[in-house]
Amino acid sequence: MRNNDEADLPIKAVQAWVDSKGHLYPTKEAALYVEIERLLGHVGTGESLAPGIARVLVEKRDRLMPLLKAFGAASEVIEAIPLAQATE
């Protein structure tokens, strides 16, 4: 129950998401984008492409995750062969 002092405050409690550096974001997607951007680092010359890449990775994650899982499994089992043999 609120007391009279709380009713006069111009602030309110909200749900927010926190990244690994302690910064608050209004959505979990926004916090995730920043974490991925940080992982990628600066991409490209001039303004970084990392923010756009982070958003594409999140948007296409349902298609990317199976590929990454298959890549991990394949790299443990398949031995590399010389390129000349692969094109025969």
PDB file of N, CA and C in Angstrom:
ATOM      1  N   MET A   1       0.837  -1.172   0.000  1.00  0.00           N
ATOM      2  CA  MET A   1       0.000   0.000   0.000  1.00  0.00           C
ATOM      3  C   MET A   1       0.885   1.240   0.000  1.00  0.00           C
ATOM      4  N   ARG A   2       0.531   2.226  -0.787  1.00  0.00           N
ATOM      5  CA  ARG A   2       1.331   3.438  -0.906  1.00  0.00           C
ATOM      6  C   ARG A   2       0.956   4.422   0.194  1.00  0.00           C
ATOM      7  N   ASN A   3       1.985   5.089   0.690  1.00  0.00           N
ATOM      8  CA  ASN A   3       1.688   6.158   1.640  1.00  0.00           C
ATOM      9  C   ASN A   3       1.614   7.480   0.883  1.00  0.00           C
ATOM     10  N   ASN A   4       1.250   8.537   1.543  1.00  0.00           N
ATOM     11  CA  ASN A   4       1.075   9.840   0.891  1.00  0.00           C
ATOM     12  C   ASN A   4       2.357  10.353   0.263  1.00  0.00           C
ATOM     13  N   ASP A   5       3.511  10.091   0.893  1.00  0.00           N
ATOM     14  CA  ASP A   5       4.785  10.564   0.350  1.00  0.00           C
ATOM     15  C   ASP A   5       5.073   9.922  -1.008  1.00  0.00           C
ATOM     16  N   GLU A   6       4.785   8.624  -1.161  1.00  0.00           N
ATOM     17  CA  GLU A   6       5.033   7.931  -2.424  1.00  0.00           C
ATOM     18  C   GLU A   6       4.141   8.456  -3.540  1.00  0.00           C
ATOM     19  N   ALA A   7       2.934   8.821  -3.233  1.00  0.00           N
ATOM     20  CA  ALA A   7       2.007   9.320  -4.248  1.00  0.00           C
ATOM     21  C   ALA A   7       2.495  10.631  -4.854  1.00  0.00           C
ATOM     22  N   ASP A   8       3.294  11.393  -4.133  1.00  0.00           N
ATOM     23  CA  ASP A   8       3.785  12.681  -4.610  1.00  0.00           C
ATOM     24  C   ASP A   8       5.069  12.573  -5.432  1.00  0.00           C
ATOM     25  N   LEU A   9       5.711  11.417  -5.439  1.00  0.00           N
ATOM     26  CA  LEU A   9       6.974  11.265  -6.162  1.00  0.00           C
ATOM     27  C   LEU A   9       6.740  11.224  -7.671  1.00  0.00           C
ATOM     28  N   PRO A  10       7.560  11.932  -8.456  1.00  0.00           N
ATOM     29  CA  PRO A  10       7.416  11.911  -9.914  1.00  0.00           C
ATOM     30  C   PRO A  10       8.176  10.756 -10.566  1.00  0.00           C
ATOM     31  N   ILE A  11       8.386   9.691  -9.830  1.00  0.00           N
ATOM     32  CA  ILE A  11       9.103   8.526 -10.357  1.00  0.00           C
ATOM     33  C   ILE A  11       8.252   7.282 -10.137  1.00  0.00           C
ATOM     34  N   LYS A  12       8.576   6.225 -10.878  1.00  0.00           N
ATOM     35  CA  LYS A  12       7.858   4.973 -10.682  1.00  0.00           C
ATOM     36  C   LYS A  12       8.785   3.804 -10.984  1.00  0.00           C
ATOM     37  N   ALA A  13       8.441   2.650 -10.484  1.00  0.00           N
ATOM     38  CA  ALA A  13       9.200   1.429 -10.735  1.00  0.00           C
ATOM     39  C   ALA A  13       8.836   0.913 -12.121  1.00  0.00           C
ATOM     40  N   VAL A  14       9.838   0.446 -12.852  1.00  0.00           N
ATOM     41  CA  VAL A  14       9.620  -0.096 -14.192  1.00  0.00           C
ATOM     42  C   VAL A  14      10.456  -1.358 -14.361  1.00  0.00           C
ATOM     43  N   GLN A  15      10.090  -2.171 -15.343  1.00  0.00           N
ATOM     44  CA  GLN A  15      10.904  -3.334 -15.674  1.00  0.00           C
ATOM     45  C   GLN A  15      11.976  -2.892 -16.653  1.00  0.00           C
ATOM     46  N   ALA A  16      13.201  -3.301 -16.407  1.00  0.00           N
ATOM     47  CA  ALA A  16      14.308  -2.963 -17.303  1.00  0.00           C
ATOM     48  C   ALA A  16      15.242  -4.162 -17.383  1.00  0.00           C
ATOM     49  N   TRP A  17      16.100  -4.138 -18.382  1.00  0.00           N
ATOM     50  CA  TRP A  17      17.082  -5.195 -18.601  1.00  0.00           C
ATOM     51  C   TRP A  17      18.465  -4.593 -18.443  1.00  0.00           C
ATOM     52  N   VAL A  18      19.367  -5.335 -17.842  1.00  0.00           N
ATOM     53  CA  VAL A  18      20.711  -4.848 -17.552  1.00  0.00           C
ATOM     54  C   VAL A  18      21.718  -5.641 -18.370  1.00  0.00           C
ATOM     55  N   ASP A  19      22.671  -4.933 -19.008  1.00  0.00           N
ATOM     56  CA  ASP A  19      23.724  -5.628 -19.745  1.00  0.00           C
ATOM     57  C   ASP A  19      24.889  -5.936 -18.812  1.00  0.00           C
ATOM     58  N   SER A  20      25.930  -6.533 -19.343  1.00  0.00           N
ATOM     59  CA  SER A  20      27.069  -6.953 -18.518  1.00  0.00           C
ATOM     60  C   SER A  20      27.844  -5.781 -17.926  1.00  0.00           C
ATOM     61  N   LYS A  21      27.644  -4.586 -18.440  1.00  0.00           N
ATOM     62  CA  LYS A  21      28.312  -3.393 -17.901  1.00  0.00           C
ATOM     63  C   LYS A  21      27.421  -2.640 -16.918  1.00  0.00           C
ATOM     64  N   GLY A  22      26.213  -3.138 -16.693  1.00  0.00           N
ATOM     65  CA  GLY A  22      25.312  -2.506 -15.740  1.00  0.00           C
ATOM     66  C   GLY A  22      24.417  -1.427 -16.311  1.00  0.00           C
ATOM     67  N   HIS A  23      24.387  -1.275 -17.629  1.00  0.00           N
ATOM     68  CA  HIS A  23      23.520  -0.278 -18.255  1.00  0.00           C
ATOM     69  C   HIS A  23      22.107  -0.841 -18.404  1.00  0.00           C
ATOM     70  N   LEU A  24      21.110   0.005 -18.217  1.00  0.00           N
ATOM     71  CA  LEU A  24      19.708  -0.402 -18.297  1.00  0.00           C
ATOM     72  C   LEU A  24      19.137  -0.190 -19.695  1.00  0.00           C
ATOM     73  N   TYR A  25      18.261  -1.114 -20.104  1.00  0.00           N
ATOM     74  CA  TYR A  25      17.595  -1.040 -21.408  1.00  0.00           C
ATOM     75  C   TYR A  25      16.121  -1.367 -21.226  1.00  0.00           C
ATOM     76  N   PRO A  26      15.253  -0.764 -22.031  1.00  0.00           N
ATOM     77  CA  PRO A  26      13.818  -0.991 -21.866  1.00  0.00           C
ATOM     78  C   PRO A  26      13.352  -2.376 -22.318  1.00  0.00           C
ATOM     79  N   THR A  27      14.119  -3.020 -23.202  1.00  0.00           N
ATOM     80  CA  THR A  27      13.741  -4.356 -23.680  1.00  0.00           C
ATOM     81  C   THR A  27      14.941  -5.287 -23.608  1.00  0.00           C
ATOM     82  N   LYS A  28      14.666  -6.580 -23.557  1.00  0.00           N
ATOM     83  CA  LYS A  28      15.772  -7.537 -23.539  1.00  0.00           C
ATOM     84  C   LYS A  28      16.496  -7.544 -24.880  1.00  0.00           C
ATOM     85  N   GLU A  29      15.767  -7.257 -25.969  1.00  0.00           N
ATOM     86  CA  GLU A  29      16.400  -7.198 -27.288  1.00  0.00           C
ATOM     87  C   GLU A  29      17.435  -6.083 -27.342  1.00  0.00           C
ATOM     88  N   ALA A  30      17.097  -4.921 -26.800  1.00  0.00           N
ATOM     89  CA  ALA A  30      18.026  -3.789 -26.802  1.00  0.00           C
ATOM     90  C   ALA A  30      19.299  -4.135 -26.032  1.00  0.00           C
ATOM     91  N   ALA A  31      19.156  -4.795 -24.891  1.00  0.00           N
ATOM     92  CA  ALA A  31      20.326  -5.200 -24.107  1.00  0.00           C
ATOM     93  C   ALA A  31      21.142  -6.247 -24.863  1.00  0.00           C
ATOM     94  N   LEU A  32      20.466  -7.172 -25.530  1.00  0.00           N
ATOM     95  CA  LEU A  32      21.151  -8.211 -26.298  1.00  0.00           C
ATOM     96  C   LEU A  32      21.920  -7.615 -27.465  1.00  0.00           C
ATOM     97  N   TYR A  33      21.306  -6.645 -28.179  1.00  0.00           N
ATOM     98  CA  TYR A  33      21.991  -5.995 -29.295  1.00  0.00           C
ATOM     99  C   TYR A  33      23.307  -5.392 -28.831  1.00  0.00           C
ATOM    100  N   VAL A  34      23.283  -4.716 -27.693  1.00  0.00           N
ATOM    101  CA  VAL A  34      24.493  -4.066 -27.186  1.00  0.00           C
ATOM    102  C   VAL A  34      25.553  -5.104 -26.824  1.00  0.00           C
ATOM    103  N   GLU A  35      25.138  -6.216 -26.226  1.00  0.00           N
ATOM    104  CA  GLU A  35      26.099  -7.274 -25.883  1.00  0.00           C
ATOM    105  C   GLU A  35      26.746  -7.843 -27.147  1.00  0.00           C
ATOM    106  N   ILE A  36      25.961  -8.070 -28.190  1.00  0.00           N
ATOM    107  CA  ILE A  36      26.507  -8.603 -29.441  1.00  0.00           C
ATOM    108  C   ILE A  36      27.420  -7.578 -30.098  1.00  0.00           C
ATOM    109  N   GLU A  37      27.007  -6.304 -30.101  1.00  0.00           N
ATOM    110  CA  GLU A  37      27.852  -5.239 -30.659  1.00  0.00           C
ATOM    111  C   GLU A  37      29.201  -5.215 -29.951  1.00  0.00           C
ATOM    112  N   ARG A  38      29.176  -5.340 -28.645  1.00  0.00           N
ATOM    113  CA  ARG A  38      30.408  -5.325 -27.853  1.00  0.00           C
ATOM    114  C   ARG A  38      31.289  -6.517 -28.223  1.00  0.00           C
ATOM    115  N   LEU A  39      30.679  -7.672 -28.424  1.00  0.00           N
ATOM    116  CA  LEU A  39      31.414  -8.878 -28.813  1.00  0.00           C
ATOM    117  C   LEU A  39      32.042  -8.724 -30.193  1.00  0.00           C
ATOM    118  N   LEU A  40      31.298  -8.132 -31.137  1.00  0.00           N
ATOM    119  CA  LEU A  40      31.801  -7.943 -32.500  1.00  0.00           C
ATOM    120  C   LEU A  40      32.907  -6.901 -32.573  1.00  0.00           C
ATOM    121  N   GLY A  41      32.843  -5.903 -31.721  1.00  0.00           N
ATOM    122  CA  GLY A  41      33.798  -4.802 -31.803  1.00  0.00           C
ATOM    123  C   GLY A  41      33.451  -3.900 -32.971  1.00  0.00           C
ATOM    124  N   HIS A  42      34.379  -3.047 -33.347  1.00  0.00           N
ATOM    125  CA  HIS A  42      34.149  -2.113 -34.456  1.00  0.00           C
ATOM    126  C   HIS A  42      34.290  -2.874 -35.768  1.00  0.00           C
ATOM    127  N   VAL A  43      33.264  -2.817 -36.600  1.00  0.00           N
ATOM    128  CA  VAL A  43      33.271  -3.513 -37.887  1.00  0.00           C
ATOM    129  C   VAL A  43      33.188  -2.468 -38.990  1.00  0.00           C
ATOM    130  N   GLY A  44      34.142  -2.511 -39.913  1.00  0.00           N
ATOM    131  CA  GLY A  44      34.126  -1.579 -41.042  1.00  0.00           C
ATOM    132  C   GLY A  44      34.933  -0.325 -40.765  1.00  0.00           C
ATOM    133  N   THR A  45      35.003   0.514 -41.776  1.00  0.00           N
ATOM    134  CA  THR A  45      35.683   1.797 -41.627  1.00  0.00           C
ATOM    135  C   THR A  45      34.629   2.861 -41.374  1.00  0.00           C
ATOM    136  N   GLY A  46      34.999   3.904 -40.692  1.00  0.00           N
ATOM    137  CA  GLY A  46      34.015   4.930 -40.358  1.00  0.00           C
ATOM    138  C   GLY A  46      33.081   4.425 -39.275  1.00  0.00           C
ATOM    139  N   GLU A  47      31.796   4.712 -39.441  1.00  0.00           N
ATOM    140  CA  GLU A  47      30.807   4.268 -38.458  1.00  0.00           C
ATOM    141  C   GLU A  47      30.719   2.742 -38.475  1.00  0.00           C
ATOM    142  N   SER A  48      30.701   2.136 -37.305  1.00  0.00           N
ATOM    143  CA  SER A  48      30.697   0.678 -37.199  1.00  0.00           C
ATOM    144  C   SER A  48      29.419   0.059 -37.760  1.00  0.00           C
ATOM    145  N   LEU A  49      29.582  -1.090 -38.391  1.00  0.00           N
ATOM    146  CA  LEU A  49      28.452  -1.869 -38.887  1.00  0.00           C
ATOM    147  C   LEU A  49      27.910  -2.823 -37.822  1.00  0.00           C
ATOM    148  N   ALA A  50      28.593  -2.900 -36.669  1.00  0.00           N
ATOM    149  CA  ALA A  50      28.222  -3.848 -35.619  1.00  0.00           C
ATOM    150  C   ALA A  50      26.768  -3.723 -35.167  1.00  0.00           C
ATOM    151  N   PRO A  51      26.211  -2.521 -34.983  1.00  0.00           N
ATOM    152  CA  PRO A  51      24.804  -2.452 -34.559  1.00  0.00           C
ATOM    153  C   PRO A  51      23.850  -3.126 -35.551  1.00  0.00           C
ATOM    154  N   GLY A  52      24.050  -2.905 -36.824  1.00  0.00           N
ATOM    155  CA  GLY A  52      23.198  -3.536 -37.836  1.00  0.00           C
ATOM    156  C   GLY A  52      23.400  -5.033 -37.896  1.00  0.00           C
ATOM    157  N   ILE A  53      24.651  -5.468 -37.788  1.00  0.00           N
ATOM    158  CA  ILE A  53      24.948  -6.901 -37.807  1.00  0.00           C
ATOM    159  C   ILE A  53      24.309  -7.578 -36.599  1.00  0.00           C
ATOM    160  N   ALA A  54      24.384  -6.945 -35.437  1.00  0.00           N
ATOM    161  CA  ALA A  54      23.783  -7.509 -34.222  1.00  0.00           C
ATOM    162  C   ALA A  54      22.287  -7.716 -34.410  1.00  0.00           C
ATOM    163  N   ARG A  55      21.622  -6.744 -34.994  1.00  0.00           N
ATOM    164  CA  ARG A  55      20.178  -6.851 -35.206  1.00  0.00           C
ATOM    165  C   ARG A  55      19.838  -7.976 -36.191  1.00  0.00           C
ATOM    166  N   VAL A  56      20.626  -8.112 -37.244  1.00  0.00           N
ATOM    167  CA  VAL A  56      20.389  -9.181 -38.225  1.00  0.00           C
ATOM    168  C   VAL A  56      20.615 -10.546 -37.574  1.00  0.00           C
ATOM    169  N   LEU A  57      21.660 -10.675 -36.764  1.00  0.00           N
ATOM    170  CA  LEU A  57      21.927 -11.945 -36.089  1.00  0.00           C
ATOM    171  C   LEU A  57      20.763 -12.345 -35.192  1.00  0.00           C
ATOM    172  N   VAL A  58      20.227 -11.381 -34.442  1.00  0.00           N
ATOM    173  CA  VAL A  58      19.096 -11.677 -33.559  1.00  0.00           C
ATOM    174  C   VAL A  58      17.857 -12.025 -34.380  1.00  0.00           C
ATOM    175  N   GLU A  59      17.586 -11.256 -35.427  1.00  0.00           N
ATOM    176  CA  GLU A  59      16.405 -11.497 -36.258  1.00  0.00           C
ATOM    177  C   GLU A  59      16.460 -12.852 -36.963  1.00  0.00           C
ATOM    178  N   LYS A  60      17.645 -13.303 -37.357  1.00  0.00           N
ATOM    179  CA  LYS A  60      17.787 -14.550 -38.118  1.00  0.00           C
ATOM    180  C   LYS A  60      18.294 -15.707 -37.260  1.00  0.00           C
ATOM    181  N   ARG A  61      18.221 -15.554 -35.948  1.00  0.00           N
ATOM    182  CA  ARG A  61      18.778 -16.568 -35.047  1.00  0.00           C
ATOM    183  C   ARG A  61      18.158 -17.944 -35.239  1.00  0.00           C
ATOM    184  N   ASP A  62      16.869 -18.006 -35.585  1.00  0.00           N
ATOM    185  CA  ASP A  62      16.227 -19.314 -35.784  1.00  0.00           C
ATOM    186  C   ASP A  62      16.843 -20.073 -36.949  1.00  0.00           C
ATOM    187  N   ARG A  63      17.343 -19.359 -37.936  1.00  0.00           N
ATOM    188  CA  ARG A  63      18.001 -19.999 -39.078  1.00  0.00           C
ATOM    189  C   ARG A  63      19.495 -20.199 -38.819  1.00  0.00           C
ATOM    190  N   LEU A  64      20.088 -19.309 -38.029  1.00  0.00           N
ATOM    191  CA  LEU A  64      21.526 -19.392 -37.764  1.00  0.00           C
ATOM    192  C   LEU A  64      21.884 -20.481 -36.754  1.00  0.00           C
ATOM    193  N   MET A  65      21.086 -20.652 -35.730  1.00  0.00           N
ATOM    194  CA  MET A  65      21.426 -21.599 -34.666  1.00  0.00           C
ATOM    195  C   MET A  65      21.611 -23.029 -35.180  1.00  0.00           C
ATOM    196  N   PRO A  66      20.719 -23.554 -36.034  1.00  0.00           N
ATOM    197  CA  PRO A  66      20.949 -24.907 -36.561  1.00  0.00           C
ATOM    198  C   PRO A  66      22.241 -25.004 -37.379  1.00  0.00           C
ATOM    199  N   LEU A  67      22.559 -23.948 -38.130  1.00  0.00           N
ATOM    200  CA  LEU A  67      23.801 -23.955 -38.910  1.00  0.00           C
ATOM    201  C   LEU A  67      25.020 -23.993 -37.996  1.00  0.00           C
ATOM    202  N   LEU A  68      24.996 -23.174 -36.951  1.00  0.00           N
ATOM    203  CA  LEU A  68      26.127 -23.146 -36.019  1.00  0.00           C
ATOM    204  C   LEU A  68      26.251 -24.465 -35.265  1.00  0.00           C
ATOM    205  N   LYS A  69      25.123 -25.055 -34.903  1.00  0.00           N
ATOM    206  CA  LYS A  69      25.143 -26.351 -34.222  1.00  0.00           C
ATOM    207  C   LYS A  69      25.726 -27.420 -35.141  1.00  0.00           C
ATOM    208  N   ALA A  70      25.302 -27.436 -36.402  1.00  0.00           N
ATOM    209  CA  ALA A  70      25.819 -28.408 -37.366  1.00  0.00           C
ATOM    210  C   ALA A  70      27.304 -28.188 -37.613  1.00  0.00           C
ATOM    211  N   PHE A  71      27.721 -26.939 -37.667  1.00  0.00           N
ATOM    212  CA  PHE A  71      29.135 -26.630 -37.864  1.00  0.00           C
ATOM    213  C   PHE A  71      29.963 -27.170 -36.714  1.00  0.00           C
ATOM    214  N   GLY A  72      29.498 -26.972 -35.496  1.00  0.00           N
ATOM    215  CA  GLY A  72      30.214 -27.481 -34.326  1.00  0.00           C
ATOM    216  C   GLY A  72      30.319 -28.989 -34.350  1.00  0.00           C
ATOM    217  N   ALA A  73      29.230 -29.667 -34.694  1.00  0.00           N
ATOM    218  CA  ALA A  73      29.229 -31.128 -34.752  1.00  0.00           C
ATOM    219  C   ALA A  73      30.110 -31.619 -35.893  1.00  0.00           C
ATOM    220  N   ALA A  74      30.050 -30.967 -37.041  1.00  0.00           N
ATOM    221  CA  ALA A  74      30.836 -31.387 -38.202  1.00  0.00           C
ATOM    222  C   ALA A  74      32.323 -31.189 -37.972  1.00  0.00           C
ATOM    223  N   SER A  75      32.704 -30.110 -37.316  1.00  0.00           N
ATOM    224  CA  SER A  75      34.124 -29.837 -37.121  1.00  0.00           C
ATOM    225  C   SER A  75      34.769 -30.852 -36.185  1.00  0.00           C
ATOM    226  N   GLU A  76      33.971 -31.527 -35.378  1.00  0.00           N
ATOM    227  CA  GLU A  76      34.506 -32.542 -34.481  1.00  0.00           C
ATOM    228  C   GLU A  76      34.696 -33.881 -35.192  1.00  0.00           C
ATOM    229  N   VAL A  77      33.959 -34.110 -36.280  1.00  0.00           N
ATOM    230  CA  VAL A  77      33.940 -35.418 -36.922  1.00  0.00           C
ATOM    231  C   VAL A  77      34.689 -35.433 -38.246  1.00  0.00           C
ATOM    232  N   ILE A  78      34.509 -34.425 -39.053  1.00  0.00           N
ATOM    233  CA  ILE A  78      35.040 -34.422 -40.410  1.00  0.00           C
ATOM    234  C   ILE A  78      36.488 -33.947 -40.429  1.00  0.00           C
ATOM    235  N   GLU A  79      37.329 -34.707 -41.149  1.00  0.00           N
ATOM    236  CA  GLU A  79      38.715 -34.292 -41.331  1.00  0.00           C
ATOM    237  C   GLU A  79      38.815 -33.476 -42.606  1.00  0.00           C
ATOM    238  N   ALA A  80      39.665 -32.492 -42.604  1.00  0.00           N
ATOM    239  CA  ALA A  80      39.845 -31.652 -43.787  1.00  0.00           C
ATOM    240  C   ALA A  80      40.572 -32.437 -44.868  1.00  0.00           C
ATOM    241  N   ILE A  81      40.186 -32.198 -46.129  1.00  0.00           N
ATOM    242  CA  ILE A  81      40.878 -32.800 -47.263  1.00  0.00           C
ATOM    243  C   ILE A  81      41.405 -31.670 -48.135  1.00  0.00           C
ATOM    244  N   PRO A  82      42.464 -31.920 -48.889  1.00  0.00           N
ATOM    245  CA  PRO A  82      42.995 -30.874 -49.762  1.00  0.00           C
ATOM    246  C   PRO A  82      41.939 -30.405 -50.756  1.00  0.00           C
ATOM    247  N   LEU A  83      41.958 -29.125 -51.079  1.00  0.00           N
ATOM    248  CA  LEU A  83      40.978 -28.540 -51.988  1.00  0.00           C
ATOM    249  C   LEU A  83      40.980 -29.235 -53.346  1.00  0.00           C
ATOM    250  N   ALA A  84      42.139 -29.628 -53.840  1.00  0.00           N
ATOM    251  CA  ALA A  84      42.224 -30.301 -55.142  1.00  0.00           C
ATOM    252  C   ALA A  84      41.401 -31.588 -55.140  1.00  0.00           C
ATOM    253  N   GLN A  85      41.433 -32.334 -54.056  1.00  0.00           N
ATOM    254  CA  GLN A  85      40.653 -33.570 -53.962  1.00  0.00           C
ATOM    255  C   GLN A  85      39.164 -33.277 -53.850  1.00  0.00           C
ATOM    256  N   ALA A  86      38.809 -32.182 -53.232  1.00  0.00           N
ATOM    257  CA  ALA A  86      37.399 -31.840 -53.038  1.00  0.00           C
ATOM    258  C   ALA A  86      36.727 -31.464 -54.343  1.00  0.00           C
ATOM    259  N   THR A  87      37.495 -30.972 -55.306  1.00  0.00           N
ATOM    260  CA  THR A  87      36.906 -30.529 -56.568  1.00  0.00           C
ATOM    261  C   THR A  87      36.934 -31.607 -57.640  1.00  0.00           C
ATOM    262  N   GLU A  88      37.448 -32.786 -57.345  1.00  0.00           N
ATOM    263  CA  GLU A  88      37.518 -33.877 -58.332  1.00  0.00           C
ATOM    264  C   GLU A  88      36.169 -34.491 -58.568  1.00  0.00           C
TER     265      GLU A  88
END
